[in-house]
């Protein structure tokens, strides 16, 4: 019965993809006002901050969202117990629950799904979803994973009992692993997990035995499987690839599409809202799920309002991902807004010292879209305030000279525009770009400096 209900709810959510831009905005505003009223009535923090901004429940429907107060991770941590809408949710209790070995297979109080996200201080931030919010989020993820498929095709796929392989960091309360596991269970699909840190031959044995037809995971991890496919060491019956958790470069997307010979969906989510949007095709920009969130951009800063989480409302929450609004496509098939989204943090900016002693930075967005024939993947490593390296992973038989020339043709104008001609850099060819051992993800920019970064 739950399976039939899930399919019906998925059908209802998929109907939003056929709505016009005006219809989506009306639906979004209706959900927004419901959330704002709930936060005012059940969250002491929001009731106080709304009042300080001159917002009462009587005028809450008339005040534009941009006039509501902003919240960030520091304010969330400081006011956690007053912000949540259930008195049984308390930050210290969540911490103790999270540290309990038995909690790894349980939900808090039997009804709350807990995700932790550690900041630079190592102190975890807890994001809480009740069963209803978690279910809505899973529907958003399933819709995204099967984006572009009609319900008839989806039913045929599910009738065949899809075999779904998840490749990433799988230990602990990682948001992706938890969501993927619950989503796969709900679809009655077969599943297998492949941890990014497993030895390659052990992973190959799992892939050969399981023979997946859907692969989900970090693109840098999926790349390793694709290389094994090319080498003939594992079979390829993959019908769909869902990339998530880290940037997917144009070159790596092309490599995955050419190797698996199937659609590659680049999914976008965060701990604050696991279903934010997706990129269906390279160059089209991210389709943002406006029926599940409100995403604002002001002065280059990104603010999220999650429309389905009522237990821990996040209203105008400052995210440090970089987002640049993009015009909708001509004859756009969707009423959703579009954007260029870079999965990085503002602190990933590379600061350098110019010849005159002044400081200048290179933003990750400036180096995220490098596309050179034969360049499979790349990573920037800042080595000092006057130097950096580009770690380059290439396709087989690619011309290194051509790749160097292509990278230089992109970087030289950028350095000139920034008056950073004094900065030195080199292209270093590597067999593979190794992910961060703690997260299993491959960051776009790595700092390996003896001195503190400029700025």
Protein backbone atom coordinates (compact mmCIF):
# COMPACT_ATOMS: atom_id res chain seq x y z
CA UNK A 1 0.00 0.00 0.00
CA UNK A 2 2.84 2.37 0.83
CA UNK A 3 4.40 1.61 -2.56
CA UNK A 4 1.19 2.53 -4.40
CA UNK A 5 0.92 5.70 -2.30
CA UNK A 6 4.51 6.64 -3.14
CA UNK A 7 3.85 6.25 -6.87
CA UNK A 8 0.70 8.37 -6.58
CA UNK A 9 2.53 11.10 -4.66
CA UNK A 10 5.36 10.98 -7.23
CA UNK A 11 2.82 11.40 -10.01
CA UNK A 12 1.33 14.42 -8.23
CA UNK A 13 4.76 16.02 -7.78
CA UNK A 14 5.74 15.32 -11.39
CA UNK A 15 2.65 17.20 -12.54
CA UNK A 16 4.37 20.40 -11.39
CA UNK A 17 6.91 20.00 -14.20
CA UNK A 18 4.10 20.71 -16.66
CA UNK A 19 2.93 23.86 -14.87
CA UNK A 20 3.62 27.32 -16.26
CA UNK A 21 5.96 29.81 -14.61
CA UNK A 22 2.95 31.71 -13.25
CA UNK A 23 1.36 28.54 -11.85
CA UNK A 24 4.62 27.55 -10.15
CA UNK A 25 4.93 30.98 -8.54
CA UNK A 26 1.36 30.78 -7.24
CA UNK A 27 2.02 27.33 -5.77
CA UNK A 28 5.29 28.51 -4.27
CA UNK A 29 3.68 31.53 -2.62
CA UNK A 30 0.85 29.41 -1.19
CA UNK A 31 3.37 27.04 0.41
CA UNK A 32 5.49 29.96 1.60
CA UNK A 33 2.62 31.67 3.44
CA UNK A 34 1.66 28.40 5.12
CA UNK A 35 5.25 27.98 6.32
CA UNK A 36 5.48 31.57 7.58
CA UNK A 37 2.29 31.22 9.61
CA UNK A 38 3.50 27.94 11.09
CA UNK A 39 6.86 29.45 12.04
CA UNK A 40 5.18 32.45 13.66
CA UNK A 41 2.83 30.26 15.68
CA UNK A 42 5.24 27.52 16.78
CA UNK A 43 8.78 28.99 16.80
CA UNK A 44 9.67 31.43 19.57
CA UNK A 45 12.71 32.59 17.59
CA UNK A 46 10.79 33.49 14.45
CA UNK A 47 7.92 35.07 16.37
CA UNK A 48 10.42 37.40 18.06
CA UNK A 49 12.47 38.23 14.95
CA UNK A 50 9.35 38.76 12.86
CA UNK A 51 8.00 41.16 15.48
CA UNK A 52 11.30 43.06 15.50
CA UNK A 53 10.91 43.47 11.73
CA UNK A 54 7.37 44.80 12.18
CA UNK A 55 5.72 41.58 10.97
CA UNK A 56 2.66 40.25 12.77
CA UNK A 57 0.40 37.34 11.94
CA UNK A 58 -2.17 39.85 10.72
CA UNK A 59 0.11 41.26 7.99
CA UNK A 60 2.29 38.21 7.36
CA UNK A 61 0.56 37.45 4.05
CA UNK A 62 1.23 40.94 2.72
CA UNK A 63 4.92 41.34 3.54
CA UNK A 64 7.34 40.46 0.69
CA UNK A 65 9.76 37.68 1.59
CA UNK A 66 12.78 39.96 1.12
CA UNK A 67 11.60 42.01 4.13
CA UNK A 68 11.78 39.00 6.46
CA UNK A 69 14.94 38.70 8.59
CA UNK A 70 17.87 36.61 7.37
CA UNK A 71 19.34 33.70 9.33
CA UNK A 72 22.73 32.03 8.95
CA UNK A 73 24.52 29.04 10.46
CA UNK A 74 25.77 31.02 13.48
CA UNK A 75 22.29 32.29 14.34
CA UNK A 76 20.93 28.80 13.84
CA UNK A 77 23.44 27.37 16.32
CA UNK A 78 22.85 30.15 18.87
CA UNK A 79 19.05 29.93 18.74
CA UNK A 80 18.52 26.29 17.87
CA UNK A 81 16.18 25.30 20.68
CA UNK A 82 14.00 28.40 20.19
CA UNK A 83 13.86 28.02 16.39
CA UNK A 84 12.58 24.44 16.12
CA UNK A 85 8.83 23.95 16.46
CA UNK A 86 8.79 20.85 18.68
CA UNK A 87 9.78 21.23 22.33
CA UNK A 88 11.18 17.68 22.29
CA UNK A 89 13.90 18.69 19.80
CA UNK A 90 16.87 20.08 21.68
CA UNK A 91 20.38 20.56 20.35
CA UNK A 92 22.12 18.85 23.27
CA UNK A 93 19.76 15.87 23.08
CA UNK A 94 20.43 15.55 19.36
CA UNK A 95 24.17 15.58 19.99
CA UNK A 96 23.90 12.79 22.56
CA UNK A 97 21.62 10.81 20.27
CA UNK A 98 24.01 11.28 17.34
CA UNK A 99 26.96 10.03 19.39
CA UNK A 100 25.11 6.90 20.49
CA UNK A 101 26.12 3.82 18.42
CA UNK A 102 22.54 2.58 18.45
CA UNK A 103 21.30 5.78 16.79
CA UNK A 104 22.85 4.97 13.41
CA UNK A 105 19.91 2.75 12.51
CA UNK A 106 17.21 4.72 14.33
CA UNK A 107 15.33 7.97 14.02
CA UNK A 108 15.26 10.45 16.88
CA UNK A 109 12.12 9.85 18.97
CA UNK A 110 11.13 7.40 16.24
CA UNK A 111 9.92 10.16 13.91
CA UNK A 112 12.74 12.61 13.21
CA UNK A 113 15.45 12.06 10.61
CA UNK A 114 18.72 13.67 11.70
CA UNK A 115 21.49 14.91 9.41
CA UNK A 116 24.62 16.43 10.80
CA UNK A 117 26.91 18.78 8.94
CA UNK A 118 30.21 19.86 10.50
CA UNK A 119 31.54 23.35 9.90
CA UNK A 120 35.15 24.52 9.95
CA UNK A 121 35.14 24.37 13.77
CA UNK A 122 34.17 20.70 13.72
CA UNK A 123 31.05 21.43 15.78
CA UNK A 124 28.13 19.62 14.14
CA UNK A 125 25.02 21.43 12.96
CA UNK A 126 21.90 19.31 13.06
CA UNK A 127 19.19 19.44 10.44
CA UNK A 128 15.95 17.76 11.45
CA UNK A 129 13.24 16.41 9.15
CA UNK A 130 10.02 14.89 10.45
CA UNK A 131 8.54 11.91 8.59
CA UNK A 132 6.36 14.09 6.36
CA UNK A 133 9.20 16.42 5.37
CA UNK A 134 11.52 13.47 4.80
CA UNK A 135 8.92 11.88 2.56
CA UNK A 136 8.52 15.08 0.53
CA UNK A 137 12.27 15.35 0.16
CA UNK A 138 12.52 11.73 -1.04
CA UNK A 139 9.87 12.40 -3.64
CA UNK A 140 11.90 15.37 -4.85
CA UNK A 141 15.01 13.21 -5.14
CA UNK A 142 13.16 10.40 -6.95
CA UNK A 143 11.60 12.91 -9.35
CA UNK A 144 15.05 14.34 -10.03
CA UNK A 145 16.71 10.96 -10.50
CA UNK A 146 14.03 9.99 -13.04
CA UNK A 147 13.82 13.45 -14.60
CA UNK A 148 12.56 13.49 -18.18
CA UNK A 149 10.80 10.13 -17.88
CA UNK A 150 7.03 9.82 -18.12
CA UNK A 151 5.11 7.81 -15.55
CA UNK A 152 4.62 4.91 -17.99
CA UNK A 153 8.38 4.66 -18.50
CA UNK A 154 8.95 4.97 -14.75
CA UNK A 155 6.48 2.15 -14.04
CA UNK A 156 8.20 -0.05 -16.62
CA UNK A 157 11.59 0.71 -15.06
CA UNK A 158 10.35 -0.06 -11.54
CA UNK A 159 8.60 -3.24 -12.70
CA UNK A 160 12.00 -4.51 -13.76
CA UNK A 161 13.30 -4.12 -10.19
CA UNK A 162 16.10 -1.62 -10.88
CA UNK A 163 19.51 -2.37 -9.43
CA UNK A 164 20.84 0.86 -7.92
CA UNK A 165 24.48 1.30 -6.96
CA UNK A 166 25.45 4.18 -4.65
CA UNK A 167 29.13 5.17 -4.78
CA UNK A 168 30.30 7.70 -2.18
CA UNK A 169 31.24 7.95 1.49
CA UNK A 170 28.70 5.64 3.08
CA UNK A 171 29.55 5.56 6.79
CA UNK A 172 27.90 7.89 9.29
CA UNK A 173 24.89 10.18 8.91
CA UNK A 174 25.79 11.49 5.48
CA UNK A 175 22.73 13.12 3.97
CA UNK A 176 23.15 11.51 0.56
CA UNK A 177 23.60 7.97 1.84
CA UNK A 178 20.59 8.24 4.15
CA UNK A 179 18.31 9.74 1.51
CA UNK A 180 19.38 7.36 -1.26
CA UNK A 181 18.92 4.35 1.02
CA UNK A 182 15.41 5.36 2.06
CA UNK A 183 14.44 6.28 -1.51
CA UNK A 184 15.64 2.95 -2.91
CA UNK A 185 13.79 1.06 -0.17
CA UNK A 186 10.60 2.94 -0.99
CA UNK A 187 10.86 1.99 -4.67
CA UNK A 188 11.35 -1.72 -3.86
CA UNK A 189 14.59 -1.60 -5.83
CA UNK A 190 17.72 -3.64 -5.24
CA UNK A 191 20.60 -1.66 -3.80
CA UNK A 192 24.30 -1.94 -3.24
CA UNK A 193 26.69 0.49 -1.56
CA UNK A 194 30.26 1.01 -2.70
CA UNK A 195 32.38 3.07 -0.33
CA UNK A 196 34.85 5.38 -2.05
CA UNK A 197 37.65 4.07 0.17
CA UNK A 198 37.25 0.40 -0.75
CA UNK A 199 40.10 -1.23 -2.72
CA UNK A 200 39.43 -1.11 -6.46
CA UNK A 201 39.31 -4.89 -6.98
CA UNK A 202 36.89 -5.37 -4.10
CA UNK A 203 34.71 -2.69 -5.67
CA UNK A 204 34.94 -4.37 -9.07
CA UNK A 205 33.79 -7.64 -7.54
CA UNK A 206 30.72 -5.90 -6.11
CA UNK A 207 29.91 -4.27 -9.46
CA UNK A 208 30.33 -7.52 -11.41
CA UNK A 209 28.10 -9.41 -9.00
CA UNK A 210 25.43 -6.70 -8.68
CA UNK A 211 25.52 -5.47 -12.31
CA UNK A 212 23.75 -2.13 -11.64
CA UNK A 213 21.54 -0.37 -14.14
CA UNK A 214 21.36 2.92 -12.19
CA UNK A 215 24.40 4.54 -10.58
CA UNK A 216 24.22 7.36 -8.01
CA UNK A 217 27.11 9.11 -6.30
CA UNK A 218 29.92 11.63 -6.30
CA UNK A 219 31.10 12.25 -9.88
CA UNK A 220 34.72 11.65 -8.90
CA UNK A 221 33.66 8.24 -7.55
CA UNK A 222 31.48 7.36 -10.55
CA UNK A 223 34.46 8.27 -12.74
CA UNK A 224 36.43 5.40 -11.18
CA UNK A 225 33.73 2.93 -12.15
CA UNK A 226 33.60 4.39 -15.67
CA UNK A 227 37.34 3.81 -16.02
CA UNK A 228 36.84 0.17 -15.02
CA UNK A 229 34.09 -0.09 -17.63
CA UNK A 230 36.46 1.26 -20.27
CA UNK A 231 39.12 -1.23 -19.19
CA UNK A 232 36.61 -4.08 -19.58
CA UNK A 233 36.86 -5.04 -15.93
CA UNK A 234 33.18 -4.51 -15.08
CA UNK A 235 30.01 -4.76 -17.20
CA UNK A 236 28.01 -1.76 -18.35
CA UNK A 237 24.25 -2.11 -18.26
CA UNK A 238 23.77 1.34 -16.73
CA UNK A 239 20.71 3.19 -18.01
CA UNK A 240 21.00 6.33 -15.90
CA UNK A 241 23.70 8.13 -13.89
CA UNK A 242 22.85 10.58 -11.10
CA UNK A 243 25.77 12.77 -10.05
CA UNK A 244 25.57 14.60 -6.73
CA UNK A 245 27.56 16.05 -3.86
CA UNK A 246 30.37 17.83 -5.72
CA UNK A 247 30.97 19.82 -8.93
CA UNK A 248 30.51 17.99 -12.22
CA UNK A 249 32.80 19.54 -14.81
CA UNK A 250 31.84 19.61 -18.48
CA UNK A 251 34.71 17.31 -19.38
CA UNK A 252 33.81 14.73 -16.75
CA UNK A 253 30.13 14.85 -17.74
CA UNK A 254 31.11 14.14 -21.35
CA UNK A 255 33.36 11.27 -20.24
CA UNK A 256 30.54 9.68 -18.22
CA UNK A 257 28.03 10.11 -21.04
CA UNK A 258 30.41 8.61 -23.60
CA UNK A 259 31.37 5.69 -21.35
CA UNK A 260 27.98 4.68 -19.96
CA UNK A 261 26.07 5.79 -23.09
CA UNK A 262 23.11 6.99 -21.04
CA UNK A 263 21.70 10.23 -19.55
CA UNK A 264 23.67 11.89 -16.75
CA UNK A 265 21.60 13.90 -14.26
CA UNK A 266 23.57 16.40 -12.15
CA UNK A 267 21.57 16.68 -8.90
CA UNK A 268 21.82 19.62 -6.50
CA UNK A 269 21.00 19.40 -2.81
CA UNK A 270 22.32 20.39 0.60
CA UNK A 271 21.77 19.35 4.21
CA UNK A 272 19.42 22.33 4.59
CA UNK A 273 17.23 21.01 1.76
CA UNK A 274 18.24 17.80 0.06
CA UNK A 275 16.17 18.51 -3.06
CA UNK A 276 17.14 21.86 -4.58
CA UNK A 277 17.41 21.23 -8.31
CA UNK A 278 19.24 19.51 -11.14
CA UNK A 279 21.09 20.01 -14.39
CA UNK A 280 19.64 17.83 -17.14
CA UNK A 281 22.00 18.82 -19.94
CA UNK A 282 25.34 20.59 -20.01
CA UNK A 283 24.98 24.31 -20.63
CA UNK A 284 21.27 24.50 -19.81
CA UNK A 285 21.86 25.54 -16.21
CA UNK A 286 20.27 24.10 -13.10
CA UNK A 287 16.49 23.70 -12.96
CA UNK A 288 15.60 24.88 -9.45
CA UNK A 289 12.75 23.13 -7.64
CA UNK A 290 10.64 26.23 -7.02
CA UNK A 291 7.76 24.03 -5.88
CA UNK A 292 9.86 22.87 -2.91
CA UNK A 293 12.03 25.88 -2.06
CA UNK A 294 12.44 29.61 -2.53
CA UNK A 295 15.96 30.54 -3.56
CA UNK A 296 16.88 34.23 -3.59
CA UNK A 297 20.06 35.92 -4.79
CA UNK A 298 20.92 39.36 -3.44
CA UNK A 299 24.29 41.02 -4.08
CA UNK A 300 25.73 37.66 -5.04
CA UNK A 301 24.57 35.99 -1.82
CA UNK A 302 22.21 33.01 -1.79
CA UNK A 303 19.29 32.61 0.60
CA UNK A 304 17.17 29.48 0.98
CA UNK A 305 13.65 29.06 2.29
CA UNK A 306 12.75 25.37 2.45
CA UNK A 307 9.00 25.05 1.91
CA UNK A 308 8.45 21.52 3.22
CA UNK A 309 10.33 21.36 6.54
CA UNK A 310 8.00 22.58 9.31
CA UNK A 311 9.89 20.99 12.22
CA UNK A 312 12.98 23.12 11.66
CA UNK A 313 11.90 26.03 9.48
CA UNK A 314 14.73 27.64 7.54
CA UNK A 315 13.54 31.01 6.30
CA UNK A 316 15.95 33.13 4.27
CA UNK A 317 18.84 30.93 5.41
CA UNK A 318 22.18 32.10 4.03
CA UNK A 319 23.87 29.40 1.96
CA UNK A 320 27.49 29.88 0.92
CA UNK A 321 27.14 28.05 -2.37
CA UNK A 322 27.56 30.31 -5.38
CA UNK A 323 24.47 30.81 -7.51
CA UNK A 324 24.02 32.98 -10.58
CA UNK A 325 20.48 33.38 -11.99
CA UNK A 326 20.16 32.28 -15.60
CA UNK A 327 17.55 33.23 -18.16
CA UNK A 328 15.02 30.56 -18.91
CA UNK A 329 15.59 28.73 -22.16
CA UNK A 330 13.71 29.76 -25.30
CA UNK A 331 10.56 27.61 -25.32
CA UNK A 332 11.62 26.30 -21.91
CA UNK A 333 9.67 23.09 -21.18
CA UNK A 334 9.57 23.88 -17.45
CA UNK A 335 8.07 26.71 -15.44
CA UNK A 336 10.92 26.51 -12.94
CA UNK A 337 13.65 29.12 -12.68
CA UNK A 338 17.20 28.31 -13.79
CA UNK A 339 20.61 29.19 -12.42
CA UNK A 340 24.28 28.42 -12.67
CA UNK A 341 25.16 26.76 -9.37
CA UNK A 342 28.66 26.00 -8.15
CA UNK A 343 29.00 23.57 -5.26
CA UNK A 344 31.68 25.44 -3.38
CA UNK A 345 31.95 27.84 -0.49
CA UNK A 346 32.90 31.48 -0.50
CA UNK A 347 35.97 30.59 1.53
CA UNK A 348 37.22 28.59 -1.48
CA UNK A 349 38.29 31.83 -3.16
CA UNK A 350 41.99 31.85 -3.97
CA UNK A 351 43.64 35.03 -2.72
CA UNK A 352 46.91 36.17 -4.30
CA UNK A 353 49.32 39.06 -3.87
CA UNK A 354 49.83 41.25 -6.92
CA UNK A 355 53.17 42.74 -7.96
CA UNK A 356 52.30 46.01 -6.22
CA UNK A 357 51.65 44.20 -2.93
CA UNK A 358 47.88 44.51 -3.02
CA UNK A 359 45.63 41.48 -2.74
CA UNK A 360 43.33 40.05 -5.40
CA UNK A 361 41.22 36.90 -5.56
CA UNK A 362 40.11 34.36 -8.14
CA UNK A 363 36.58 33.15 -7.53
CA UNK A 364 35.80 29.43 -7.96
CA UNK A 365 33.11 30.33 -10.49
CA UNK A 366 35.86 31.72 -12.75
CA UNK A 367 37.65 28.37 -12.96
CA UNK A 368 34.74 25.94 -12.61
CA UNK A 369 33.77 25.69 -16.26
CA UNK A 370 37.07 24.82 -17.94
CA UNK A 371 36.38 22.57 -20.90
CA UNK A 372 39.31 21.36 -22.99
CA UNK A 373 39.27 18.39 -25.34
CA UNK A 374 40.87 15.43 -23.56
CA UNK A 375 40.69 17.01 -20.08
CA UNK A 376 38.62 14.55 -18.06
CA UNK A 377 38.83 16.26 -14.68
CA UNK A 378 40.88 18.87 -12.86
CA UNK A 379 41.57 20.45 -9.48
CA UNK A 380 43.24 23.69 -8.41
CA UNK A 381 45.87 23.55 -5.67
CA UNK A 382 46.99 26.90 -4.27
CA UNK A 383 50.58 26.54 -3.07
CA UNK A 384 51.30 30.13 -1.97
CA UNK A 385 50.01 33.67 -2.35
CA UNK A 386 51.87 33.83 -5.68
CA UNK A 387 51.46 30.35 -7.14
CA UNK A 388 49.07 27.51 -7.86
CA UNK A 389 48.91 24.20 -9.68
CA UNK A 390 46.27 22.62 -11.87
CA UNK A 391 46.05 18.88 -11.34
CA UNK A 392 44.90 17.50 -14.69
CA UNK A 393 43.43 14.07 -15.30
CA UNK A 394 43.21 13.22 -18.99
CA UNK A 395 41.47 10.81 -21.27
CA UNK A 396 43.50 8.02 -22.79
CA UNK A 397 45.85 9.16 -25.59
CA UNK A 398 44.94 12.83 -25.01
CA UNK A 399 47.49 15.41 -26.16
CA UNK A 400 49.09 16.97 -23.10
CA UNK A 401 50.41 19.88 -25.17
CA UNK A 402 46.92 20.63 -26.47
CA UNK A 403 45.48 20.47 -22.95
CA UNK A 404 48.15 22.83 -21.58
CA UNK A 405 47.49 25.26 -24.42
CA UNK A 406 43.73 25.07 -23.83
CA UNK A 407 44.10 25.74 -20.10
CA UNK A 408 46.49 28.62 -20.74
CA UNK A 409 44.09 30.19 -23.24
CA UNK A 410 41.47 30.31 -20.46
CA UNK A 411 43.66 31.30 -17.52
CA UNK A 412 45.91 33.94 -19.10
CA UNK A 413 43.08 36.42 -19.88
CA UNK A 414 41.69 35.86 -16.39
CA UNK A 415 45.04 36.60 -14.73
CA UNK A 416 45.51 39.66 -16.95
CA UNK A 417 42.07 41.02 -16.06
CA UNK A 418 42.93 40.60 -12.38
CA UNK A 419 46.42 42.15 -12.80
CA UNK A 420 47.90 38.89 -11.58
CA UNK A 421 50.49 38.44 -14.32
CA UNK A 422 53.13 37.92 -11.61
CA UNK A 423 51.41 34.73 -10.44
CA UNK A 424 53.05 31.49 -11.52
CA UNK A 425 51.23 28.24 -12.19
CA UNK A 426 51.86 24.84 -13.70
CA UNK A 427 49.75 22.04 -15.12
CA UNK A 428 50.52 18.75 -13.38
CA UNK A 429 49.26 15.60 -15.08
CA UNK A 430 48.09 12.90 -12.66
CA UNK A 431 46.66 9.44 -13.12
CA UNK A 432 43.69 10.24 -10.91
CA UNK A 433 42.54 13.09 -8.66
CA UNK A 434 42.19 11.71 -5.16
CA UNK A 435 39.11 12.71 -3.14
CA UNK A 436 39.32 14.09 0.39
CA UNK A 437 39.75 11.02 2.63
CA UNK A 438 37.41 12.42 5.30
CA UNK A 439 34.44 13.23 3.06
CA UNK A 440 35.04 11.12 -0.03
CA UNK A 441 34.41 14.25 -2.13
CA UNK A 442 36.71 15.94 -4.57
CA UNK A 443 36.96 19.69 -3.86
CA UNK A 444 37.52 22.01 -6.80
CA UNK A 445 40.09 24.05 -4.88
CA UNK A 446 42.63 22.80 -2.33
CA UNK A 447 44.90 24.99 -0.20
CA UNK A 448 48.41 23.64 0.45
CA UNK A 449 50.17 26.75 1.72
CA UNK A 450 52.80 27.00 4.41
CA UNK A 451 51.76 30.55 5.19
CA UNK A 452 48.24 31.73 5.82
CA UNK A 453 46.31 32.71 2.74
CA UNK A 454 46.23 36.35 1.84
CA UNK A 455 43.09 38.17 2.86
